[in-house]
């Protein structure tokens, strides 16, 4: 019998030393379970979304990019909506400047994600550059959905690594496959880019009536401007539709 046990048997008051250890073990088990759940979420999202790189690779080659250009875009940009937007503008006959400006405009939201996640991730030094490269919709969504900082970090990096590898691998496969077809337009792959881009944007329309109104207004502006403006410019002009919603949000108490 331990000294504490002997003292309790003798009727002496002995501080309960097991309770703090028990609480600590329970908290540790809960943290470990949260991290495991975050890793599972990250793997699921990374694989599921990464497969859509096939569509981008095929769309990029159909738009006129080479296999190397499509792969370089996925490696260096790594943000699906912006990549599809750039490929769409180039494929529509637009200039590289207009396409790049549209892609940068769409990718600007990632900067806001970075500001939101900076304190959670706590990255310092050179690692900040690599981490900033993978701050996108999916990594931000998985990280912010977790309970606790450790789980958020686990979810973020699991999603980032899985999605980066899957996205770039499938981009290569999609681009090589489309290039081997000879004329992708002949089999209807020219609609793949716009269709995949629409699939990326569609879930955002479920966030409320404001999002639907902005989307409808943006579509009207883009359709009306397309006959009179160079390719790529209508997409950027359509962003004006978001201004009333942003100004209204700031004015709200």
Foldseek 3Di string as FASTA:
>chain_A
DDPQVVCVVVVHDDDDPVVVVVVVVVVVVVVVVLQVVLLVLLLVLQQVVLLCLLLLLLLQVLLPDALVVLLVCCLQQVAPLLSLQLSLLSSVVHDNVLSNVLSVVVVPVLVVLCVVCCVLQVDDDPVVVVLSSQSYDSLSVSLVVTDDSSSSNSNNVSNSVSNSVSSSVSSSVNNVVNVVVVNNVVVPSNCSSVVVSCVVCVVVCVPDPLSVQLVVQLVVQLVVCVVPDRRSVSSVVSVVSCVVVVVVVVPDD
